[in-house]
Amino acid sequence: MKISCEQASNICNKSQYKEAGFWEILRLRLHILTCKACAKFTKQNTMLTSLCDRAGLNVLSESDKEEMRKDLKKHL
């Protein structure tokens, strides 16, 4: 049931985007109880996600991303 700090950071990132399952989140919360570094990382990650959401950042559409990928492949 114990997870490493690396696993905790991965679960933290997944949970920010609603991609983590119930058991992953539970394992993360248990890890955070004993690891101050991961608790701080989780708090900072949550704050960063919140700030990005409030900033109203625009992202590229999937078609624009695909066009950029094709252009990059041409130039490599």
PDB file of N, CA and C in Angstrom:
ATOM      1  N   MET A   1       0.823  -1.199   0.000  1.00  0.00           N
ATOM      2  CA  MET A   1       0.000   0.000   0.000  1.00  0.00           C
ATOM      3  C   MET A   1       0.865   1.261   0.000  1.00  0.00           C
ATOM      4  N   LYS A   2       2.089   1.172   0.528  1.00  0.00           N
ATOM      5  CA  LYS A   2       2.982   2.323   0.570  1.00  0.00           C
ATOM      6  C   LYS A   2       3.471   2.652  -0.838  1.00  0.00           C
ATOM      7  N   ILE A   3       3.515   3.946  -1.152  1.00  0.00           N
ATOM      8  CA  ILE A   3       3.980   4.385  -2.463  1.00  0.00           C
ATOM      9  C   ILE A   3       5.200   5.279  -2.291  1.00  0.00           C
ATOM     10  N   SER A   4       5.985   5.379  -3.347  1.00  0.00           N
ATOM     11  CA  SER A   4       7.171   6.234  -3.328  1.00  0.00           C
ATOM     12  C   SER A   4       6.756   7.686  -3.583  1.00  0.00           C
ATOM     13  N   CYS A   5       7.681   8.587  -3.342  1.00  0.00           N
ATOM     14  CA  CYS A   5       7.413   9.999  -3.605  1.00  0.00           C
ATOM     15  C   CYS A   5       7.182  10.233  -5.100  1.00  0.00           C
ATOM     16  N   GLU A   6       7.890   9.509  -5.937  1.00  0.00           N
ATOM     17  CA  GLU A   6       7.695   9.642  -7.381  1.00  0.00           C
ATOM     18  C   GLU A   6       6.285   9.217  -7.775  1.00  0.00           C
ATOM     19  N   GLN A   7       5.826   8.100  -7.223  1.00  0.00           N
ATOM     20  CA  GLN A   7       4.461   7.651  -7.498  1.00  0.00           C
ATOM     21  C   GLN A   7       3.451   8.665  -6.967  1.00  0.00           C
ATOM     22  N   ALA A   8       3.731   9.227  -5.806  1.00  0.00           N
ATOM     23  CA  ALA A   8       2.833  10.222  -5.217  1.00  0.00           C
ATOM     24  C   ALA A   8       2.719  11.452  -6.112  1.00  0.00           C
ATOM     25  N   SER A   9       3.833  11.905  -6.665  1.00  0.00           N
ATOM     26  CA  SER A   9       3.774  13.080  -7.541  1.00  0.00           C
ATOM     27  C   SER A   9       3.002  12.770  -8.817  1.00  0.00           C
ATOM     28  N   ASN A  10       3.159  11.560  -9.338  1.00  0.00           N
ATOM     29  CA  ASN A  10       2.400  11.178 -10.532  1.00  0.00           C
ATOM     30  C   ASN A  10       0.904  11.143 -10.245  1.00  0.00           C
ATOM     31  N   ILE A  11       0.533  10.578  -9.112  1.00  0.00           N
ATOM     32  CA  ILE A  11      -0.884  10.524  -8.739  1.00  0.00           C
ATOM     33  C   ILE A  11      -1.417  11.934  -8.498  1.00  0.00           C
ATOM     34  N   CYS A  12      -0.612  12.771  -7.875  1.00  0.00           N
ATOM     35  CA  CYS A  12      -1.009  14.157  -7.630  1.00  0.00           C
ATOM     36  C   CYS A  12      -1.313  14.857  -8.949  1.00  0.00           C
ATOM     37  N   ASN A  13      -0.432  14.690  -9.914  1.00  0.00           N
ATOM     38  CA  ASN A  13      -0.644  15.307 -11.225  1.00  0.00           C
ATOM     39  C   ASN A  13      -1.902  14.762 -11.892  1.00  0.00           C
ATOM     40  N   LYS A  14      -2.098  13.453 -11.810  1.00  0.00           N
ATOM     41  CA  LYS A  14      -3.291  12.848 -12.398  1.00  0.00           C
ATOM     42  C   LYS A  14      -4.559  13.354 -11.721  1.00  0.00           C
ATOM     43  N   SER A  15      -4.510  13.514 -10.414  1.00  0.00           N
ATOM     44  CA  SER A  15      -5.710  13.945  -9.688  1.00  0.00           C
ATOM     45  C   SER A  15      -6.088  15.383 -10.037  1.00  0.00           C
ATOM     46  N   GLN A  16      -5.112  16.212 -10.379  1.00  0.00           N
ATOM     47  CA  GLN A  16      -5.399  17.591 -10.764  1.00  0.00           C
ATOM     48  C   GLN A  16      -6.255  17.654 -12.024  1.00  0.00           C
ATOM     49  N   TYR A  17      -6.117  16.629 -12.866  1.00  0.00           N
ATOM     50  CA  TYR A  17      -6.861  16.587 -14.130  1.00  0.00           C
ATOM     51  C   TYR A  17      -7.966  15.541 -14.097  1.00  0.00           C
ATOM     52  N   LYS A  18      -8.364  15.139 -12.889  1.00  0.00           N
ATOM     53  CA  LYS A  18      -9.460  14.179 -12.684  1.00  0.00           C
ATOM     54  C   LYS A  18      -9.209  12.842 -13.375  1.00  0.00           C
ATOM     55  N   GLU A  19      -7.948  12.422 -13.429  1.00  0.00           N
ATOM     56  CA  GLU A  19      -7.584  11.161 -14.069  1.00  0.00           C
ATOM     57  C   GLU A  19      -7.203  10.080 -13.063  1.00  0.00           C
ATOM     58  N   ALA A  20      -7.145  10.422 -11.797  1.00  0.00           N
ATOM     59  CA  ALA A  20      -6.759   9.455 -10.762  1.00  0.00           C
ATOM     60  C   ALA A  20      -8.002   8.771 -10.205  1.00  0.00           C
ATOM     61  N   GLY A  21      -7.862   7.488  -9.953  1.00  0.00           N
ATOM     62  CA  GLY A  21      -8.967   6.726  -9.385  1.00  0.00           C
ATOM     63  C   GLY A  21      -9.057   6.895  -7.876  1.00  0.00           C
ATOM     64  N   PHE A  22     -10.126   6.346  -7.320  1.00  0.00           N
ATOM     65  CA  PHE A  22     -10.373   6.448  -5.880  1.00  0.00           C
ATOM     66  C   PHE A  22      -9.211   5.894  -5.064  1.00  0.00           C
ATOM     67  N   TRP A  23      -8.738   4.695  -5.410  1.00  0.00           N
ATOM     68  CA  TRP A  23      -7.672   4.047  -4.637  1.00  0.00           C
ATOM     69  C   TRP A  23      -6.354   4.795  -4.772  1.00  0.00           C
ATOM     70  N   GLU A  24      -6.092   5.368  -5.949  1.00  0.00           N
ATOM     71  CA  GLU A  24      -4.866   6.156  -6.120  1.00  0.00           C
ATOM     72  C   GLU A  24      -4.905   7.386  -5.217  1.00  0.00           C
ATOM     73  N   ILE A  25      -6.037   8.059  -5.197  1.00  0.00           N
ATOM     74  CA  ILE A  25      -6.166   9.258  -4.363  1.00  0.00           C
ATOM     75  C   ILE A  25      -6.040   8.899  -2.886  1.00  0.00           C
ATOM     76  N   LEU A  26      -6.624   7.781  -2.499  1.00  0.00           N
ATOM     77  CA  LEU A  26      -6.506   7.328  -1.108  1.00  0.00           C
ATOM     78  C   LEU A  26      -5.045   7.053  -0.750  1.00  0.00           C
ATOM     79  N   ARG A  27      -4.328   6.365  -1.629  1.00  0.00           N
ATOM     80  CA  ARG A  27      -2.910   6.081  -1.383  1.00  0.00           C
ATOM     81  C   ARG A  27      -2.104   7.375  -1.304  1.00  0.00           C
ATOM     82  N   LEU A  28      -2.433   8.349  -2.164  1.00  0.00           N
ATOM     83  CA  LEU A  28      -1.751   9.642  -2.126  1.00  0.00           C
ATOM     84  C   LEU A  28      -1.998  10.332  -0.788  1.00  0.00           C
ATOM     85  N   ARG A  29      -3.230  10.358  -0.343  1.00  0.00           N
ATOM     86  CA  ARG A  29      -3.556  11.023   0.926  1.00  0.00           C
ATOM     87  C   ARG A  29      -2.839  10.365   2.105  1.00  0.00           C
ATOM     88  N   LEU A  30      -2.759   9.040   2.093  1.00  0.00           N
ATOM     89  CA  LEU A  30      -2.032   8.342   3.155  1.00  0.00           C
ATOM     90  C   LEU A  30      -0.544   8.682   3.103  1.00  0.00           C
ATOM     91  N   HIS A  31       0.012   8.777   1.910  1.00  0.00           N
ATOM     92  CA  HIS A  31       1.430   9.120   1.754  1.00  0.00           C
ATOM     93  C   HIS A  31       1.690  10.543   2.263  1.00  0.00           C
ATOM     94  N   ILE A  32       0.787  11.454   1.939  1.00  0.00           N
ATOM     95  CA  ILE A  32       0.941  12.855   2.335  1.00  0.00           C
ATOM     96  C   ILE A  32       0.946  13.013   3.857  1.00  0.00           C
ATOM     97  N   LEU A  33       0.252  12.129   4.549  1.00  0.00           N
ATOM     98  CA  LEU A  33       0.231  12.199   6.015  1.00  0.00           C
ATOM     99  C   LEU A  33       1.614  12.008   6.623  1.00  0.00           C
ATOM    100  N   THR A  34       2.485  11.273   5.930  1.00  0.00           N
ATOM    101  CA  THR A  34       3.807  10.972   6.481  1.00  0.00           C
ATOM    102  C   THR A  34       4.948  11.680   5.756  1.00  0.00           C
ATOM    103  N   CYS A  35       4.664  12.307   4.625  1.00  0.00           N
ATOM    104  CA  CYS A  35       5.732  12.921   3.825  1.00  0.00           C
ATOM    105  C   CYS A  35       5.451  14.411   3.634  1.00  0.00           C
ATOM    106  N   LYS A  36       6.190  15.231   4.332  1.00  0.00           N
ATOM    107  CA  LYS A  36       5.988  16.678   4.266  1.00  0.00           C
ATOM    108  C   LYS A  36       6.347  17.247   2.898  1.00  0.00           C
ATOM    109  N   ALA A  37       7.355  16.672   2.238  1.00  0.00           N
ATOM    110  CA  ALA A  37       7.755  17.168   0.919  1.00  0.00           C
ATOM    111  C   ALA A  37       6.629  16.966  -0.093  1.00  0.00           C
ATOM    112  N   CYS A  38       6.008  15.804  -0.061  1.00  0.00           N
ATOM    113  CA  CYS A  38       4.913  15.529  -0.994  1.00  0.00           C
ATOM    114  C   CYS A  38       3.670  16.340  -0.641  1.00  0.00           C
ATOM    115  N   ALA A  39       3.468  16.596   0.637  1.00  0.00           N
ATOM    116  CA  ALA A  39       2.344  17.442   1.049  1.00  0.00           C
ATOM    117  C   ALA A  39       2.525  18.849   0.485  1.00  0.00           C
ATOM    118  N   LYS A  40       3.750  19.356   0.556  1.00  0.00           N
ATOM    119  CA  LYS A  40       4.048  20.687   0.018  1.00  0.00           C
ATOM    120  C   LYS A  40       3.893  20.694  -1.498  1.00  0.00           C
ATOM    121  N   PHE A  41       4.395  19.648  -2.170  1.00  0.00           N
ATOM    122  CA  PHE A  41       4.273  19.545  -3.622  1.00  0.00           C
ATOM    123  C   PHE A  41       2.804  19.547  -4.030  1.00  0.00           C
ATOM    124  N   THR A  42       1.989  18.768  -3.328  1.00  0.00           N
ATOM    125  CA  THR A  42       0.567  18.674  -3.650  1.00  0.00           C
ATOM    126  C   THR A  42      -0.117  20.025  -3.475  1.00  0.00           C
ATOM    127  N   LYS A  43       0.213  20.721  -2.401  1.00  0.00           N
ATOM    128  CA  LYS A  43      -0.383  22.035  -2.152  1.00  0.00           C
ATOM    129  C   LYS A  43       0.015  23.021  -3.252  1.00  0.00           C
ATOM    130  N   GLN A  44       1.297  23.036  -3.614  1.00  0.00           N
ATOM    131  CA  GLN A  44       1.768  23.945  -4.655  1.00  0.00           C
ATOM    132  C   GLN A  44       1.174  23.585  -6.017  1.00  0.00           C
ATOM    133  N   ASN A  45       1.060  22.295  -6.301  1.00  0.00           N
ATOM    134  CA  ASN A  45       0.506  21.850  -7.573  1.00  0.00           C
ATOM    135  C   ASN A  45      -0.965  22.254  -7.685  1.00  0.00           C
ATOM    136  N   THR A  46      -1.697  22.119  -6.589  1.00  0.00           N
ATOM    137  CA  THR A  46      -3.106  22.517  -6.567  1.00  0.00           C
ATOM    138  C   THR A  46      -3.238  24.017  -6.801  1.00  0.00           C
ATOM    139  N   MET A  47      -2.371  24.796  -6.168  1.00  0.00           N
ATOM    140  CA  MET A  47      -2.403  26.243  -6.333  1.00  0.00           C
ATOM    141  C   MET A  47      -2.074  26.636  -7.778  1.00  0.00           C
ATOM    142  N   LEU A  48      -1.069  26.006  -8.358  1.00  0.00           N
ATOM    143  CA  LEU A  48      -0.684  26.303  -9.732  1.00  0.00           C
ATOM    144  C   LEU A  48      -1.820  25.982 -10.701  1.00  0.00           C
ATOM    145  N   THR A  49      -2.465  24.844 -10.509  1.00  0.00           N
ATOM    146  CA  THR A  49      -3.589  24.468 -11.364  1.00  0.00           C
ATOM    147  C   THR A  49      -4.717  25.483 -11.232  1.00  0.00           C
ATOM    148  N   SER A  50      -4.991  25.907 -10.014  1.00  0.00           N
ATOM    149  CA  SER A  50      -6.044  26.895  -9.770  1.00  0.00           C
ATOM    150  C   SER A  50      -5.720  28.221 -10.459  1.00  0.00           C
ATOM    151  N   LEU A  51      -4.480  28.661 -10.357  1.00  0.00           N
ATOM    152  CA  LEU A  51      -4.071  29.913 -11.000  1.00  0.00           C
ATOM    153  C   LEU A  51      -4.180  29.826 -12.519  1.00  0.00           C
ATOM    154  N   CYS A  52      -3.794  28.696 -13.078  1.00  0.00           N
ATOM    155  CA  CYS A  52      -3.898  28.510 -14.533  1.00  0.00           C
ATOM    156  C   CYS A  52      -5.352  28.509 -14.980  1.00  0.00           C
ATOM    157  N   ASP A  53      -6.213  27.880 -14.196  1.00  0.00           N
ATOM    158  CA  ASP A  53      -7.640  27.859 -14.529  1.00  0.00           C
ATOM    159  C   ASP A  53      -8.224  29.269 -14.505  1.00  0.00           C
ATOM    160  N   ARG A  54      -7.862  30.040 -13.496  1.00  0.00           N
ATOM    161  CA  ARG A  54      -8.390  31.401 -13.380  1.00  0.00           C
ATOM    162  C   ARG A  54      -7.804  32.345 -14.415  1.00  0.00           C
ATOM    163  N   ALA A  55      -6.632  32.039 -14.944  1.00  0.00           N
ATOM    164  CA  ALA A  55      -5.981  32.921 -15.908  1.00  0.00           C
ATOM    165  C   ALA A  55      -6.678  32.892 -17.263  1.00  0.00           C
ATOM    166  N   GLY A  56      -7.493  31.874 -17.494  1.00  0.00           N
ATOM    167  CA  GLY A  56      -8.205  31.781 -18.769  1.00  0.00           C
ATOM    168  C   GLY A  56      -7.259  31.594 -19.943  1.00  0.00           C
ATOM    169  N   LEU A  57      -6.267  30.761 -19.757  1.00  0.00           N
ATOM    170  CA  LEU A  57      -5.283  30.525 -20.804  1.00  0.00           C
ATOM    171  C   LEU A  57      -5.916  29.831 -22.002  1.00  0.00           C
ATOM    172  N   ASN A  58      -5.502  30.238 -23.180  1.00  0.00           N
ATOM    173  CA  ASN A  58      -5.987  29.604 -24.400  1.00  0.00           C
ATOM    174  C   ASN A  58      -5.017  28.508 -24.807  1.00  0.00           C
ATOM    175  N   VAL A  59      -5.560  27.421 -25.300  1.00  0.00           N
ATOM    176  CA  VAL A  59      -4.726  26.314 -25.759  1.00  0.00           C
ATOM    177  C   VAL A  59      -4.981  26.080 -27.238  1.00  0.00           C
ATOM    178  N   LEU A  60      -4.029  25.430 -27.868  1.00  0.00           N
ATOM    179  CA  LEU A  60      -4.176  25.122 -29.288  1.00  0.00           C
ATOM    180  C   LEU A  60      -5.223  24.040 -29.494  1.00  0.00           C
ATOM    181  N   SER A  61      -5.915  24.132 -30.601  1.00  0.00           N
ATOM    182  CA  SER A  61      -6.862  23.075 -30.954  1.00  0.00           C
ATOM    183  C   SER A  61      -6.073  21.847 -31.394  1.00  0.00           C
ATOM    184  N   GLU A  62      -6.739  20.707 -31.435  1.00  0.00           N
ATOM    185  CA  GLU A  62      -6.070  19.468 -31.850  1.00  0.00           C
ATOM    186  C   GLU A  62      -5.551  19.584 -33.279  1.00  0.00           C
ATOM    187  N   SER A  63      -6.304  20.242 -34.151  1.00  0.00           N
ATOM    188  CA  SER A  63      -5.852  20.388 -35.544  1.00  0.00           C
ATOM    189  C   SER A  63      -4.602  21.267 -35.622  1.00  0.00           C
ATOM    190  N   ASP A  64      -4.547  22.323 -34.804  1.00  0.00           N
ATOM    191  CA  ASP A  64      -3.350  23.176 -34.772  1.00  0.00           C
ATOM    192  C   ASP A  64      -2.143  22.411 -34.234  1.00  0.00           C
ATOM    193  N   LYS A  65      -2.371  21.584 -33.218  1.00  0.00           N
ATOM    194  CA  LYS A  65      -1.283  20.770 -32.667  1.00  0.00           C
ATOM    195  C   LYS A  65      -0.751  19.798 -33.713  1.00  0.00           C
ATOM    196  N   GLU A  66      -1.659  19.176 -34.441  1.00  0.00           N
ATOM    197  CA  GLU A  66      -1.246  18.219 -35.470  1.00  0.00           C
ATOM    198  C   GLU A  66      -0.466  18.917 -36.578  1.00  0.00           C
ATOM    199  N   GLU A  67      -0.898  20.105 -36.944  1.00  0.00           N
ATOM    200  CA  GLU A  67      -0.192  20.881 -37.965  1.00  0.00           C
ATOM    201  C   GLU A  67       1.226  21.222 -37.496  1.00  0.00           C
ATOM    202  N   MET A  68       1.366  21.579 -36.232  1.00  0.00           N
ATOM    203  CA  MET A  68       2.691  21.882 -35.686  1.00  0.00           C
ATOM    204  C   MET A  68       3.576  20.640 -35.680  1.00  0.00           C
ATOM    205  N   ARG A  69       3.002  19.485 -35.346  1.00  0.00           N
ATOM    206  CA  ARG A  69       3.773  18.238 -35.360  1.00  0.00           C
ATOM    207  C   ARG A  69       4.303  17.947 -36.757  1.00  0.00           C
ATOM    208  N   LYS A  70       3.449  18.138 -37.756  1.00  0.00           N
ATOM    209  CA  LYS A  70       3.859  17.884 -39.140  1.00  0.00           C
ATOM    210  C   LYS A  70       4.973  18.834 -39.553  1.00  0.00           C
ATOM    211  N   ASP A  71       4.836  20.111 -39.184  1.00  0.00           N
ATOM    212  CA  ASP A  71       5.873  21.093 -39.508  1.00  0.00           C
ATOM    213  C   ASP A  71       7.197  20.742 -38.834  1.00  0.00           C
ATOM    214  N   LEU A  72       7.137  20.307 -37.582  1.00  0.00           N
ATOM    215  CA  LEU A  72       8.358  19.923 -36.871  1.00  0.00           C
ATOM    216  C   LEU A  72       9.029  18.728 -37.535  1.00  0.00           C
ATOM    217  N   LYS A  73       8.241  17.741 -37.928  1.00  0.00           N
ATOM    218  CA  LYS A  73       8.807  16.563 -38.590  1.00  0.00           C
ATOM    219  C   LYS A  73       9.467  16.929 -39.906  1.00  0.00           C
ATOM    220  N   LYS A  74       8.898  17.882 -40.630  1.00  0.00           N
ATOM    221  CA  LYS A  74       9.474  18.324 -41.903  1.00  0.00           C
ATOM    222  C   LYS A  74      10.857  18.937 -41.690  1.00  0.00           C
ATOM    223  N   HIS A  75      10.999  19.674 -40.611  1.00  0.00           N
ATOM    224  CA  HIS A  75      12.235  20.411 -40.362  1.00  0.00           C
ATOM    225  C   HIS A  75      13.290  19.605 -39.609  1.00  0.00           C
ATOM    226  N   LEU A  76      12.965  18.394 -39.246  1.00  0.00           N
ATOM    227  CA  LEU A  76      13.952  17.567 -38.543  1.00  0.00           C
ATOM    228  C   LEU A  76      14.636  16.711 -39.497  1.00  0.00           C
TER     229      LEU A  76
END
